[in-house]
N, C-alpha and C. Protein backbone atom coordinates (compact mmCIF):
# COMPACT_ATOMS: atom_id res chain seq x y z
N UNK A 1 82.38 -42.98 91.86
CA UNK A 1 81.72 -44.19 91.41
C UNK A 1 81.13 -44.02 90.02
N UNK A 2 81.57 -44.82 89.13
CA UNK A 2 81.07 -44.74 87.75
C UNK A 2 79.95 -45.66 87.62
N UNK A 3 78.80 -45.13 87.17
CA UNK A 3 77.57 -45.91 86.96
C UNK A 3 77.59 -46.42 85.52
N UNK A 4 77.23 -47.72 85.36
CA UNK A 4 77.13 -48.28 84.05
C UNK A 4 75.68 -48.38 83.62
N UNK A 5 75.34 -47.80 82.52
CA UNK A 5 74.00 -47.82 81.94
C UNK A 5 74.05 -48.50 80.61
N UNK A 6 73.09 -49.42 80.38
CA UNK A 6 72.98 -50.08 79.11
C UNK A 6 71.58 -49.85 78.56
N UNK A 7 71.49 -49.47 77.30
CA UNK A 7 70.27 -49.32 76.57
C UNK A 7 70.10 -50.54 75.71
N UNK A 8 69.18 -51.39 75.92
CA UNK A 8 69.00 -52.62 75.19
C UNK A 8 67.97 -52.50 74.10
N UNK A 9 68.29 -52.84 72.89
CA UNK A 9 67.34 -52.79 71.78
C UNK A 9 68.02 -52.70 70.46
N UNK A 10 67.18 -52.85 69.38
CA UNK A 10 67.80 -52.89 68.06
C UNK A 10 68.26 -51.57 67.47
N UNK A 11 68.10 -50.45 68.20
CA UNK A 11 68.49 -49.23 67.68
C UNK A 11 67.33 -48.36 67.17
N UNK A 12 66.12 -48.75 67.46
CA UNK A 12 64.93 -48.07 66.98
C UNK A 12 64.77 -46.70 67.61
N UNK A 13 63.76 -45.95 67.17
CA UNK A 13 63.53 -44.62 67.69
C UNK A 13 63.26 -44.63 69.20
N UNK A 14 62.58 -45.63 69.68
CA UNK A 14 62.30 -45.70 71.14
C UNK A 14 63.59 -45.96 71.89
N UNK A 15 64.48 -46.74 71.34
CA UNK A 15 65.78 -47.00 71.98
C UNK A 15 66.54 -45.71 72.11
N UNK A 16 66.53 -44.99 70.98
CA UNK A 16 67.29 -43.70 70.92
C UNK A 16 66.69 -42.72 71.96
N UNK A 17 65.37 -42.76 72.18
CA UNK A 17 64.72 -41.84 73.15
C UNK A 17 65.10 -42.28 74.59
N UNK A 18 65.14 -43.57 74.82
CA UNK A 18 65.57 -43.99 76.15
C UNK A 18 66.98 -43.59 76.45
N UNK A 19 67.86 -43.70 75.40
CA UNK A 19 69.23 -43.22 75.58
C UNK A 19 69.32 -41.74 75.86
N UNK A 20 68.49 -40.91 75.19
CA UNK A 20 68.48 -39.53 75.41
C UNK A 20 68.01 -39.16 76.84
N UNK A 21 66.99 -39.85 77.29
CA UNK A 21 66.40 -39.65 78.65
C UNK A 21 67.51 -40.02 79.68
N UNK A 22 68.20 -41.15 79.42
CA UNK A 22 69.31 -41.51 80.39
C UNK A 22 70.38 -40.50 80.41
N UNK A 23 70.83 -40.00 79.23
CA UNK A 23 71.85 -39.02 79.17
C UNK A 23 71.43 -37.70 79.98
N UNK A 24 70.25 -37.32 79.75
CA UNK A 24 69.73 -36.17 80.44
C UNK A 24 69.71 -36.35 82.00
N UNK A 25 69.24 -37.51 82.43
CA UNK A 25 69.22 -37.87 83.85
C UNK A 25 70.60 -37.84 84.42
N UNK A 26 71.60 -38.34 83.67
CA UNK A 26 72.96 -38.33 84.17
C UNK A 26 73.47 -36.90 84.28
N UNK A 27 73.17 -36.07 83.32
CA UNK A 27 73.57 -34.61 83.39
C UNK A 27 72.90 -33.99 84.64
N UNK A 28 71.62 -34.27 84.88
CA UNK A 28 70.93 -33.65 85.98
C UNK A 28 71.52 -34.08 87.30
N UNK A 29 71.93 -35.30 87.39
CA UNK A 29 72.46 -35.89 88.59
C UNK A 29 73.91 -35.46 88.85
N UNK A 30 74.58 -35.16 87.76
CA UNK A 30 75.99 -34.70 87.86
C UNK A 30 76.96 -35.80 88.27
N UNK A 31 76.63 -37.04 87.96
CA UNK A 31 77.50 -38.14 88.26
C UNK A 31 78.13 -38.71 86.98
N UNK A 32 79.34 -39.18 87.08
CA UNK A 32 79.91 -39.80 85.90
C UNK A 32 79.19 -41.09 85.61
N UNK A 33 78.99 -41.39 84.31
CA UNK A 33 78.34 -42.64 83.93
C UNK A 33 78.83 -43.09 82.56
N UNK A 34 78.86 -44.38 82.36
CA UNK A 34 79.20 -44.94 81.06
C UNK A 34 77.86 -45.49 80.47
N UNK A 35 77.53 -44.93 79.30
CA UNK A 35 76.31 -45.36 78.67
C UNK A 35 76.71 -46.21 77.42
N UNK A 36 76.10 -47.43 77.36
CA UNK A 36 76.45 -48.33 76.31
C UNK A 36 75.16 -48.75 75.61
N UNK A 37 75.18 -48.84 74.29
CA UNK A 37 74.05 -49.34 73.52
C UNK A 37 74.32 -50.88 73.22
N UNK A 38 73.35 -51.69 73.58
CA UNK A 38 73.50 -53.13 73.34
C UNK A 38 72.42 -53.48 72.32
N UNK A 39 72.95 -53.83 71.06
CA UNK A 39 72.03 -54.18 69.96
C UNK A 39 72.09 -55.63 69.60
N UNK A 40 73.09 -56.39 70.18
CA UNK A 40 73.20 -57.79 69.85
C UNK A 40 72.10 -58.56 70.51
N UNK A 41 71.36 -59.31 69.68
CA UNK A 41 70.20 -60.01 70.21
C UNK A 41 70.47 -61.04 71.36
N UNK A 42 71.56 -61.75 71.18
CA UNK A 42 71.93 -62.71 72.24
C UNK A 42 72.27 -62.01 73.57
N UNK A 43 72.94 -60.86 73.49
CA UNK A 43 73.24 -60.13 74.78
C UNK A 43 71.94 -59.57 75.39
N UNK A 44 71.01 -59.11 74.55
CA UNK A 44 69.74 -58.62 75.08
C UNK A 44 68.97 -59.75 75.73
N UNK A 45 68.98 -60.91 75.08
CA UNK A 45 68.21 -62.06 75.62
C UNK A 45 68.82 -62.52 77.01
N UNK A 46 70.09 -62.26 77.24
CA UNK A 46 70.70 -62.65 78.49
C UNK A 46 70.04 -61.88 79.69
N UNK A 47 69.37 -60.74 79.41
CA UNK A 47 68.71 -59.96 80.47
C UNK A 47 67.24 -60.41 80.64
N UNK A 48 66.81 -61.38 79.86
CA UNK A 48 65.41 -61.96 79.99
C UNK A 48 64.32 -60.90 79.79
N UNK A 49 64.58 -59.98 78.81
CA UNK A 49 63.57 -59.00 78.53
C UNK A 49 62.49 -59.58 77.67
N UNK A 50 61.22 -59.18 77.86
CA UNK A 50 60.13 -59.61 77.03
C UNK A 50 59.90 -58.61 75.93
N UNK A 51 60.33 -57.39 76.13
CA UNK A 51 60.19 -56.31 75.13
C UNK A 51 61.32 -55.31 75.24
N UNK A 52 61.63 -54.66 74.12
CA UNK A 52 62.58 -53.63 74.16
C UNK A 52 61.85 -52.30 73.87
N UNK A 53 62.40 -51.22 74.25
CA UNK A 53 63.74 -50.93 74.72
C UNK A 53 63.83 -51.37 76.23
N UNK A 54 65.09 -51.72 76.57
CA UNK A 54 65.36 -52.02 77.97
C UNK A 54 66.41 -51.08 78.53
N UNK A 55 66.34 -50.85 79.78
CA UNK A 55 67.37 -50.03 80.44
C UNK A 55 67.89 -50.81 81.67
N UNK A 56 69.23 -50.85 81.66
CA UNK A 56 69.90 -51.56 82.76
C UNK A 56 70.88 -50.67 83.40
N UNK A 57 70.86 -50.57 84.72
CA UNK A 57 71.77 -49.75 85.50
C UNK A 57 72.52 -50.62 86.45
N UNK A 58 73.85 -50.60 86.32
CA UNK A 58 74.75 -51.41 87.10
C UNK A 58 74.26 -52.89 87.13
N UNK A 59 73.98 -53.39 85.92
CA UNK A 59 73.57 -54.82 85.63
C UNK A 59 72.22 -55.15 86.27
N UNK A 60 71.38 -54.19 86.62
CA UNK A 60 69.99 -54.42 87.08
C UNK A 60 69.05 -53.88 86.04
N UNK A 61 68.14 -54.72 85.56
CA UNK A 61 67.10 -54.25 84.59
C UNK A 61 66.13 -53.41 85.39
N UNK A 62 65.97 -52.18 84.98
CA UNK A 62 65.04 -51.27 85.68
C UNK A 62 63.84 -50.86 84.82
N UNK A 63 63.94 -51.08 83.55
CA UNK A 63 62.80 -50.78 82.67
C UNK A 63 62.90 -51.65 81.40
N UNK A 64 61.66 -52.06 80.92
CA UNK A 64 61.57 -52.85 79.67
C UNK A 64 60.30 -52.55 79.00
N UNK A 65 60.40 -52.41 77.69
CA UNK A 65 59.15 -52.28 76.87
C UNK A 65 58.49 -50.94 76.85
N UNK A 66 59.21 -49.93 77.47
CA UNK A 66 58.59 -48.58 77.50
C UNK A 66 59.73 -47.58 77.58
N UNK A 67 59.33 -46.27 77.48
CA UNK A 67 60.25 -45.18 77.65
C UNK A 67 60.07 -44.55 79.02
N UNK A 68 61.00 -44.74 79.92
CA UNK A 68 60.83 -44.16 81.27
C UNK A 68 60.97 -42.65 81.21
N UNK A 69 60.45 -41.98 82.27
CA UNK A 69 60.59 -40.57 82.38
C UNK A 69 61.95 -40.19 82.93
N UNK A 70 62.36 -38.98 82.67
CA UNK A 70 63.63 -38.54 83.26
C UNK A 70 63.68 -38.65 84.77
N UNK A 71 62.58 -38.35 85.38
CA UNK A 71 62.46 -38.46 86.85
C UNK A 71 62.67 -39.86 87.34
N UNK A 72 62.08 -40.88 86.64
CA UNK A 72 62.31 -42.25 87.00
C UNK A 72 63.72 -42.66 86.90
N UNK A 73 64.37 -42.26 85.76
CA UNK A 73 65.77 -42.64 85.56
C UNK A 73 66.64 -42.01 86.62
N UNK A 74 66.35 -40.74 86.92
CA UNK A 74 67.18 -40.08 87.99
C UNK A 74 67.03 -40.76 89.29
N UNK A 75 65.83 -41.20 89.64
CA UNK A 75 65.63 -42.02 90.90
C UNK A 75 66.41 -43.30 90.86
N UNK A 76 66.37 -44.00 89.75
CA UNK A 76 67.08 -45.27 89.66
C UNK A 76 68.59 -45.05 89.76
N UNK A 77 69.07 -43.93 89.13
CA UNK A 77 70.51 -43.65 89.24
C UNK A 77 70.89 -43.37 90.64
N UNK A 78 70.07 -42.56 91.38
CA UNK A 78 70.35 -42.20 92.75
C UNK A 78 70.31 -43.47 93.62
N UNK A 79 69.36 -44.35 93.39
CA UNK A 79 69.29 -45.63 94.11
C UNK A 79 70.54 -46.44 93.87
N UNK A 80 71.07 -46.47 92.60
CA UNK A 80 72.27 -47.24 92.26
C UNK A 80 73.48 -46.71 93.00
N UNK A 81 73.50 -45.36 93.17
CA UNK A 81 74.62 -44.77 93.90
C UNK A 81 74.61 -45.11 95.41
N UNK A 82 73.40 -45.27 95.95
CA UNK A 82 73.26 -45.56 97.36
C UNK A 82 73.67 -47.05 97.68
N UNK A 83 73.49 -47.91 96.77
CA UNK A 83 73.77 -49.35 96.98
C UNK A 83 75.23 -49.72 96.83
N UNK A 84 76.07 -48.77 96.48
CA UNK A 84 77.49 -49.06 96.27
C UNK A 84 78.20 -48.88 97.58
């Protein structure tokens, strides 16, 4: 099962940090994942975020406006694997 992860934001330092946390969580979990950066404002608005950076796992917004911890992202990834 390939997990899809999207990092939503303009590409700021916080967005880059969220991407790094997501990549580390994927490595820790040992599951294949596709990580995509979404910088297009209209695509970001489609997720109804009030603040960036945002993190979307399998088309579900799991975080917005903050940098989640690696443990949080790992938990969200594990939950995404269970729901498939």
